[in-house]
Amino acid sequence: MGKFSIVQYFREQWKTLPICSGDLGSKAVMVVGSNVGIGLEASVHFARMKPRSLFTTCRDEEKCERTREVLMERAGDDGTGITSLLLDLSSFDSVRAFAATFTADARSDYGLNVLVANAGAFVQRYTRTDDDWEVMFQVNYLSMVLLSILMLPHLVKVSNSESPSRLVVVSSFGHHFGVGKLKSAAQWKGVLETINDKEFCNGADRYNVTKLLQVMFVRELASRLPSPTPVVACTVQPGFCRSNLFRDLDDKWYARTFVSLASVLFSARTPEQGSRALVHAAVGDDELAMHGRYLSSCQVTEEDDYIFTPEGKALSGRLWIETIDTLSKVDGRVPDIVKQYLRVD
């Protein structure tokens, strides 16, 4: 079991990650959140492997078009197999519409081999979405889970015992720092309600909590998938990277200065270097060893100790139940998919 270690942190940050290559000509790959940073760089890597279909997502049409152009240019691709779709994880309606659009697309008949759930948000100031959830909580966790569940049938469709589909959720070593805010969870009336409350914690802590919830979700999902699994689900942390994640801080000179200094002091990776961890989790060898696990620097690594304690296991179970109940009210397809594809408690 794991705890955060500053020595191990620098050891991993200085490690050169492998660049996966190969032919994805028979595969369909989707990268959620792909217009900048590690999502864009991962998409470039995938595009160079010439998948049958590469689906990328962005929050507005202009970014969608620009992302497709960048991928065509950098991968030397004519764009025939590249589709950039509109998806805003801060809106449940957008997630539901996206899933419906993808299902209606003729290419969805061939299924989806890889889903990389990369999109994330960091917002220091407490902000609620139109769905009345704190924005990081919805983007990083609730909408990610909703999308993963709605895309599960497409992932299962093309899976086989020799080549199971893959769900890659991009988490963070920050999940270790989210544990402290969950120590009293046994006394909470509702897990989702408590985390959504303005008084629960500040922005940085809430971000770390959402990263911990992602790890818990993947473990719970993996435990409910049949054996042998049709979908290998894992979380991956790309390390500390220079990216646009902290763009919410751009209007604060002192925050920008802090992030810039931290990038130097903590040996931040480039987005391309960090993206290699995502690509490895999506197409690397020995995929069954990744199932339900947390990957760091392209290796299966222990999650935080708390997840394995009686308290952590109890919270994880409650979190799954509350999340599925909540999302079932958002989209009526959720309970049907859970019933059909997962083992029900």
Protein backbone atom coordinates (compact mmCIF):
# COMPACT_ATOMS: atom_id res chain seq x y z
CA MET A 1 0.00 0.00 0.00
CA GLY A 2 1.20 3.52 -0.72
CA LYS A 3 1.83 6.90 0.77
CA PHE A 4 3.18 10.00 -0.94
CA SER A 5 6.95 10.23 -0.77
CA ILE A 6 8.83 13.29 -1.96
CA VAL A 7 11.87 11.11 -2.77
CA GLN A 8 9.74 8.78 -4.87
CA TYR A 9 8.08 11.79 -6.47
CA PHE A 10 11.36 13.17 -7.83
CA ARG A 11 12.55 9.70 -8.78
CA GLU A 12 9.48 9.31 -10.98
CA GLN A 13 9.52 12.86 -12.35
CA TRP A 14 13.09 12.34 -13.58
CA LYS A 15 12.24 8.99 -15.14
CA THR A 16 12.09 8.84 -18.95
CA LEU A 17 8.74 7.33 -19.88
CA PRO A 18 8.50 4.95 -22.83
CA ILE A 19 6.84 6.00 -26.07
CA CYS A 20 4.32 3.38 -27.16
CA SER A 21 3.96 2.71 -30.85
CA GLY A 22 2.14 0.27 -33.07
CA ASP A 23 -0.68 -0.11 -35.53
CA LEU A 24 -4.17 0.81 -34.31
CA GLY A 25 -5.74 0.34 -37.73
CA SER A 26 -8.47 -1.91 -36.36
CA LYS A 27 -9.15 0.18 -33.25
CA ALA A 28 -11.40 3.09 -32.32
CA VAL A 29 -9.95 5.47 -29.72
CA MET A 30 -11.58 8.36 -27.86
CA VAL A 31 -9.76 11.06 -25.89
CA VAL A 32 -11.92 13.31 -23.73
CA GLY A 33 -10.43 16.77 -23.27
CA SER A 34 -8.00 16.92 -26.16
CA ASN A 35 -7.50 20.50 -27.29
CA VAL A 36 -4.54 21.31 -25.03
CA GLY A 37 -1.97 19.75 -22.72
CA ILE A 38 -1.57 16.05 -22.17
CA GLY A 39 -4.90 15.31 -23.86
CA LEU A 40 -3.74 16.92 -27.09
CA GLU A 41 -0.33 15.26 -26.93
CA ALA A 42 -1.89 11.85 -26.27
CA SER A 43 -4.20 12.40 -29.24
CA VAL A 44 -1.17 13.16 -31.44
CA HIS A 45 0.46 9.90 -30.35
CA PHE A 46 -2.74 7.98 -31.14
CA ALA A 47 -3.17 9.72 -34.50
CA ARG A 48 0.34 8.66 -35.52
CA MET A 49 -0.66 5.03 -34.83
CA LYS A 50 -3.40 5.41 -37.48
CA PRO A 51 -6.47 4.12 -35.62
CA ARG A 52 -9.57 3.21 -37.60
CA SER A 53 -11.29 6.09 -35.80
CA LEU A 54 -9.95 8.74 -33.44
CA PHE A 55 -12.60 10.69 -31.55
CA THR A 56 -11.51 13.78 -29.66
CA THR A 57 -13.67 16.07 -27.56
CA CYS A 58 -13.59 19.78 -26.73
CA ARG A 59 -15.94 22.21 -25.00
CA ASP A 60 -16.82 24.33 -28.04
CA GLU A 61 -16.97 24.03 -31.81
CA GLU A 62 -14.02 26.34 -32.48
CA LYS A 63 -11.74 24.24 -30.28
CA CYS A 64 -13.05 21.07 -31.93
CA GLU A 65 -12.13 22.31 -35.39
CA ARG A 66 -8.75 23.64 -34.28
CA THR A 67 -7.89 20.36 -32.54
CA ARG A 68 -8.67 18.35 -35.65
CA GLU A 69 -6.48 20.66 -37.75
CA VAL A 70 -3.59 20.35 -35.29
CA LEU A 71 -3.83 16.57 -35.26
CA MET A 72 -3.88 16.39 -39.05
CA GLU A 73 -0.84 18.65 -39.26
CA ARG A 74 1.27 17.03 -36.55
CA ALA A 75 0.37 13.42 -37.39
CA GLY A 76 0.56 13.88 -41.16
CA ASP A 77 -2.99 12.59 -41.43
CA ASP A 78 -5.62 13.51 -44.01
CA GLY A 79 -8.21 13.61 -41.25
CA THR A 80 -10.45 10.90 -42.68
CA GLY A 81 -10.53 8.97 -39.41
CA ILE A 82 -10.36 11.95 -37.04
CA THR A 83 -13.57 13.35 -35.58
CA SER A 84 -13.70 16.13 -32.99
CA LEU A 85 -16.92 16.24 -31.00
CA LEU A 86 -18.51 18.74 -28.64
CA LEU A 87 -18.54 17.74 -24.98
CA ASP A 88 -18.71 19.89 -21.86
CA LEU A 89 -18.40 17.86 -18.66
CA SER A 90 -19.74 20.75 -16.59
CA SER A 91 -23.18 19.96 -18.06
CA PHE A 92 -25.04 16.67 -17.67
CA ASP A 93 -27.15 17.62 -20.69
CA SER A 94 -23.97 17.87 -22.77
CA VAL A 95 -22.80 14.43 -21.60
CA ARG A 96 -26.18 12.89 -22.36
CA ALA A 97 -26.35 14.55 -25.78
CA PHE A 98 -22.79 13.46 -26.55
CA ALA A 99 -23.57 9.82 -25.74
CA ALA A 100 -26.72 9.98 -27.88
CA THR A 101 -24.81 11.56 -30.78
CA PHE A 102 -22.08 8.95 -30.62
CA THR A 103 -24.60 6.10 -30.47
CA ALA A 104 -26.40 7.50 -33.54
CA ASP A 105 -23.12 7.76 -35.49
CA ALA A 106 -22.74 4.87 -37.93
CA ARG A 107 -19.16 4.34 -36.73
CA SER A 108 -20.41 3.46 -33.26
CA ASP A 109 -21.66 0.20 -34.78
CA TYR A 110 -18.02 -0.88 -34.71
CA GLY A 111 -17.74 -0.09 -31.00
CA LEU A 112 -15.03 1.68 -29.05
CA ASN A 113 -11.75 0.05 -28.05
CA VAL A 114 -10.24 2.77 -25.88
CA LEU A 115 -11.75 5.61 -23.84
CA VAL A 116 -9.29 8.01 -22.21
CA ALA A 117 -11.16 10.18 -19.71
CA ASN A 118 -8.68 13.02 -19.49
CA ALA A 119 -10.77 16.21 -19.17
CA GLY A 120 -10.39 17.88 -15.80
CA ALA A 121 -10.85 21.18 -14.04
CA PHE A 122 -9.13 23.12 -11.29
CA VAL A 123 -11.04 26.11 -9.95
CA GLN A 124 -9.93 27.86 -6.79
CA ARG A 125 -13.15 29.81 -6.22
CA TYR A 126 -16.25 27.80 -5.25
CA THR A 127 -18.50 27.69 -8.32
CA ARG A 128 -21.67 25.72 -9.03
CA THR A 129 -22.75 24.46 -12.42
CA ASP A 130 -26.25 24.76 -13.85
CA ASP A 131 -26.81 21.25 -12.48
CA ASP A 132 -26.14 22.63 -8.98
CA TRP A 133 -22.90 20.74 -8.37
CA GLU A 134 -19.54 22.27 -7.55
CA VAL A 135 -17.78 22.52 -10.91
CA MET A 136 -14.68 20.41 -10.14
CA PHE A 137 -16.80 17.76 -8.45
CA GLN A 138 -19.00 17.51 -11.53
CA VAL A 139 -16.29 17.72 -14.22
CA ASN A 140 -13.66 15.54 -12.55
CA TYR A 141 -15.96 12.97 -11.00
CA LEU A 142 -19.71 12.93 -11.60
CA SER A 143 -19.70 13.62 -15.35
CA MET A 144 -16.66 11.40 -15.82
CA VAL A 145 -18.57 8.53 -14.22
CA LEU A 146 -21.71 9.31 -16.23
CA LEU A 147 -19.76 9.31 -19.49
CA SER A 148 -17.92 6.10 -18.57
CA ILE A 149 -21.17 4.28 -17.80
CA LEU A 150 -22.91 5.53 -20.96
CA MET A 151 -19.95 4.46 -23.11
CA LEU A 152 -19.61 1.06 -21.45
CA PRO A 153 -21.82 -0.77 -24.01
CA HIS A 154 -19.63 0.53 -26.84
CA LEU A 155 -16.50 -0.65 -25.05
CA VAL A 156 -17.96 -4.10 -24.37
CA LYS A 157 -19.21 -4.48 -27.95
CA VAL A 158 -15.73 -4.88 -29.49
CA SER A 159 -14.04 -6.58 -26.58
CA ASN A 160 -12.69 -10.11 -26.72
CA SER A 161 -10.61 -12.27 -24.41
CA GLU A 162 -7.41 -11.59 -26.33
CA SER A 163 -7.96 -7.84 -26.60
CA PRO A 164 -10.26 -6.36 -23.95
CA SER A 165 -11.28 -2.73 -24.36
CA ARG A 166 -9.78 -0.13 -22.05
CA LEU A 167 -11.08 2.68 -19.89
CA VAL A 168 -8.31 5.02 -18.75
CA VAL A 169 -9.21 7.63 -16.12
CA VAL A 170 -6.59 10.34 -15.66
CA SER A 171 -6.07 10.89 -11.94
CA SER A 172 -3.19 12.41 -9.97
CA PHE A 173 -0.71 11.80 -7.17
CA GLY A 174 -2.80 14.54 -5.54
CA HIS A 175 -5.24 11.80 -4.53
CA HIS A 176 -2.92 11.14 -1.58
CA PHE A 177 -3.59 14.67 -0.31
CA GLY A 178 -7.37 14.26 -0.55
CA VAL A 179 -7.47 11.59 2.14
CA GLY A 180 -7.41 14.00 5.08
CA LYS A 181 -10.74 15.52 4.10
CA LEU A 182 -12.46 12.12 4.18
CA LYS A 183 -11.40 10.95 7.65
CA SER A 184 -14.81 11.77 9.18
CA ALA A 185 -16.82 10.34 6.28
CA ALA A 186 -18.41 7.65 8.47
CA GLN A 187 -20.38 10.42 10.21
CA TRP A 188 -21.60 12.06 7.01
CA LYS A 189 -25.28 11.81 6.22
CA GLY A 190 -24.53 11.79 2.48
CA VAL A 191 -21.18 11.53 0.73
CA LEU A 192 -22.04 13.50 -2.41
CA GLU A 193 -23.99 16.12 -0.48
CA THR A 194 -21.12 16.73 1.94
CA ILE A 195 -18.42 17.01 -0.73
CA ASN A 196 -20.63 19.37 -2.75
CA ASP A 197 -21.07 21.77 0.17
CA LYS A 198 -19.23 25.09 -0.02
CA GLU A 199 -17.91 24.71 3.52
CA PHE A 200 -16.42 21.27 2.89
CA CYS A 201 -12.98 22.51 1.81
CA ASN A 202 -11.06 24.93 -0.39
CA GLY A 203 -10.44 24.56 -4.11
CA ALA A 204 -7.08 22.78 -3.93
CA ASP A 205 -8.35 20.25 -1.40
CA ARG A 206 -11.52 19.63 -3.39
CA TYR A 207 -9.45 18.96 -6.51
CA ASN A 208 -7.42 16.36 -4.63
CA VAL A 209 -10.59 14.78 -3.25
CA THR A 210 -12.01 14.41 -6.77
CA LYS A 211 -8.82 12.65 -7.81
CA LEU A 212 -9.21 10.22 -4.90
CA LEU A 213 -12.85 9.62 -5.85
CA GLN A 214 -11.71 8.71 -9.37
CA VAL A 215 -9.42 6.01 -7.97
CA MET A 216 -12.27 4.67 -5.83
CA PHE A 217 -14.67 4.64 -8.79
CA VAL A 218 -12.31 2.63 -10.98
CA ARG A 219 -11.72 0.08 -8.22
CA GLU A 220 -15.47 -0.27 -7.63
CA LEU A 221 -16.19 -0.55 -11.35
CA ALA A 222 -13.47 -3.17 -11.86
CA SER A 223 -14.84 -5.25 -8.99
CA ARG A 224 -18.25 -5.34 -10.68
CA LEU A 225 -17.18 -6.17 -14.21
CA PRO A 226 -17.47 -9.88 -15.07
CA SER A 227 -14.46 -12.18 -15.18
CA PRO A 228 -12.66 -12.38 -17.53
CA THR A 229 -13.22 -8.67 -17.86
CA PRO A 230 -14.40 -7.23 -21.18
CA VAL A 231 -13.04 -3.81 -20.19
CA VAL A 232 -9.73 -3.13 -18.44
CA ALA A 233 -10.35 -0.07 -16.25
CA CYS A 234 -7.49 1.80 -14.61
CA THR A 235 -6.46 5.18 -13.28
CA VAL A 236 -3.23 6.78 -14.40
CA GLN A 237 -1.28 9.70 -13.04
CA PRO A 238 0.87 11.54 -15.60
CA GLY A 239 3.03 13.28 -13.03
CA PHE A 240 3.28 17.02 -12.49
CA CYS A 241 3.12 18.56 -15.96
CA ARG A 242 3.26 22.06 -17.37
CA SER A 243 -0.28 22.32 -18.69
CA ASN A 244 -3.37 24.53 -18.81
CA LEU A 245 -4.95 22.89 -15.76
CA PHE A 246 -4.30 25.98 -13.64
CA ARG A 247 -5.62 28.48 -16.19
CA ASP A 248 -8.22 29.64 -13.62
CA LEU A 249 -5.29 31.30 -11.83
CA ASP A 250 -4.17 33.33 -14.85
CA ASP A 251 -5.72 36.56 -13.55
CA LYS A 252 -3.70 36.39 -10.31
CA TRP A 253 -0.07 37.36 -10.82
CA TYR A 254 1.06 35.80 -7.54
CA ALA A 255 -0.63 32.50 -8.41
CA ARG A 256 0.96 32.48 -11.86
CA THR A 257 4.33 33.16 -10.26
CA PHE A 258 3.83 30.32 -7.77
CA VAL A 259 2.89 27.83 -10.51
CA SER A 260 5.88 28.90 -12.62
CA LEU A 261 8.27 28.47 -9.72
CA ALA A 262 6.71 25.15 -8.77
CA SER A 263 7.18 23.91 -12.33
CA VAL A 264 10.91 24.53 -11.99
CA LEU A 265 11.37 23.41 -8.39
CA PHE A 266 9.34 20.24 -8.82
CA SER A 267 10.76 19.26 -12.23
CA ALA A 268 7.51 19.49 -14.15
CA ARG A 269 7.21 17.31 -17.21
CA THR A 270 6.21 18.66 -20.58
CA PRO A 271 2.68 17.78 -21.68
CA GLU A 272 4.13 15.37 -24.24
CA GLN A 273 6.15 13.56 -21.59
CA GLY A 274 3.11 13.25 -19.34
CA SER A 275 0.93 12.06 -22.20
CA ARG A 276 3.08 8.96 -22.60
CA ALA A 277 1.57 7.61 -19.37
CA LEU A 278 -1.94 7.89 -20.85
CA VAL A 279 -0.93 6.19 -24.09
CA HIS A 280 0.81 3.37 -22.22
CA ALA A 281 -2.32 2.70 -20.16
CA ALA A 282 -4.39 2.70 -23.34
CA VAL A 283 -2.29 0.45 -25.58
CA GLY A 284 0.61 -0.93 -23.51
CA ASP A 285 1.22 -4.62 -22.89
CA ASP A 286 0.09 -6.71 -19.89
CA GLU A 287 -3.25 -4.93 -19.72
CA LEU A 288 -4.87 -7.39 -17.31
CA ALA A 289 -2.31 -6.44 -14.66
CA MET A 290 -3.64 -2.88 -14.93
CA HIS A 291 -7.28 -3.79 -14.27
CA GLY A 292 -8.70 -1.83 -11.35
CA ARG A 293 -5.28 -0.45 -10.57
CA TYR A 294 -3.49 2.89 -10.32
CA LEU A 295 -0.57 3.51 -12.70
CA SER A 296 2.28 5.92 -12.15
CA SER A 297 5.20 6.37 -14.55
CA CYS A 298 3.82 3.53 -16.69
CA GLN A 299 3.89 1.04 -13.81
CA VAL A 300 1.20 -0.38 -11.56
CA THR A 301 1.61 1.41 -8.24
CA GLU A 302 -0.14 1.17 -4.89
CA GLU A 303 -2.92 3.66 -4.24
CA ASP A 304 -3.06 5.53 -0.95
CA ASP A 305 -3.23 3.34 2.17
CA TYR A 306 -6.59 4.84 3.17
CA ILE A 307 -8.40 3.11 0.30
CA PHE A 308 -7.58 -0.29 1.84
CA THR A 309 -8.66 0.53 5.40
CA PRO A 310 -12.11 -0.52 6.67
CA GLU A 311 -13.12 3.15 6.64
CA GLY A 312 -11.86 3.64 3.10
CA LYS A 313 -13.60 0.52 1.82
CA ALA A 314 -16.86 1.55 3.49
CA LEU A 315 -16.68 5.03 1.97
CA SER A 316 -15.88 3.63 -1.45
CA GLY A 317 -18.94 1.40 -1.32
CA ARG A 318 -21.19 4.24 -0.20
CA LEU A 319 -19.74 6.46 -2.90
CA TRP A 320 -20.58 3.92 -5.61
CA ILE A 321 -24.16 3.49 -4.41
CA GLU A 322 -24.84 7.22 -4.08
CA THR A 323 -23.18 7.99 -7.41
CA ILE A 324 -25.17 5.41 -9.36
CA ASP A 325 -28.41 6.45 -7.64
CA THR A 326 -27.76 10.12 -8.45
CA LEU A 327 -26.76 9.51 -12.07
CA SER A 328 -29.71 7.18 -12.59
CA LYS A 329 -31.92 10.22 -12.02
CA VAL A 330 -29.85 12.20 -14.52
CA ASP A 331 -30.08 9.59 -17.28
CA GLY A 332 -32.44 6.63 -17.35
CA ARG A 333 -29.91 4.58 -19.33
CA VAL A 334 -27.60 4.33 -16.33
CA PRO A 335 -29.53 1.73 -14.27
CA ASP A 336 -30.17 -0.37 -17.37
CA ILE A 337 -26.47 -0.40 -18.30
CA VAL A 338 -25.42 -1.20 -14.73
CA LYS A 339 -27.91 -4.07 -14.60
CA GLN A 340 -26.88 -5.48 -17.98
CA TYR A 341 -23.10 -5.15 -17.86
CA LEU A 342 -22.11 -5.17 -14.19
CA ARG A 343 -22.54 -7.49 -11.23
CA VAL A 344 -25.12 -5.89 -8.95
CA ASP A 345 -24.62 -5.99 -5.17
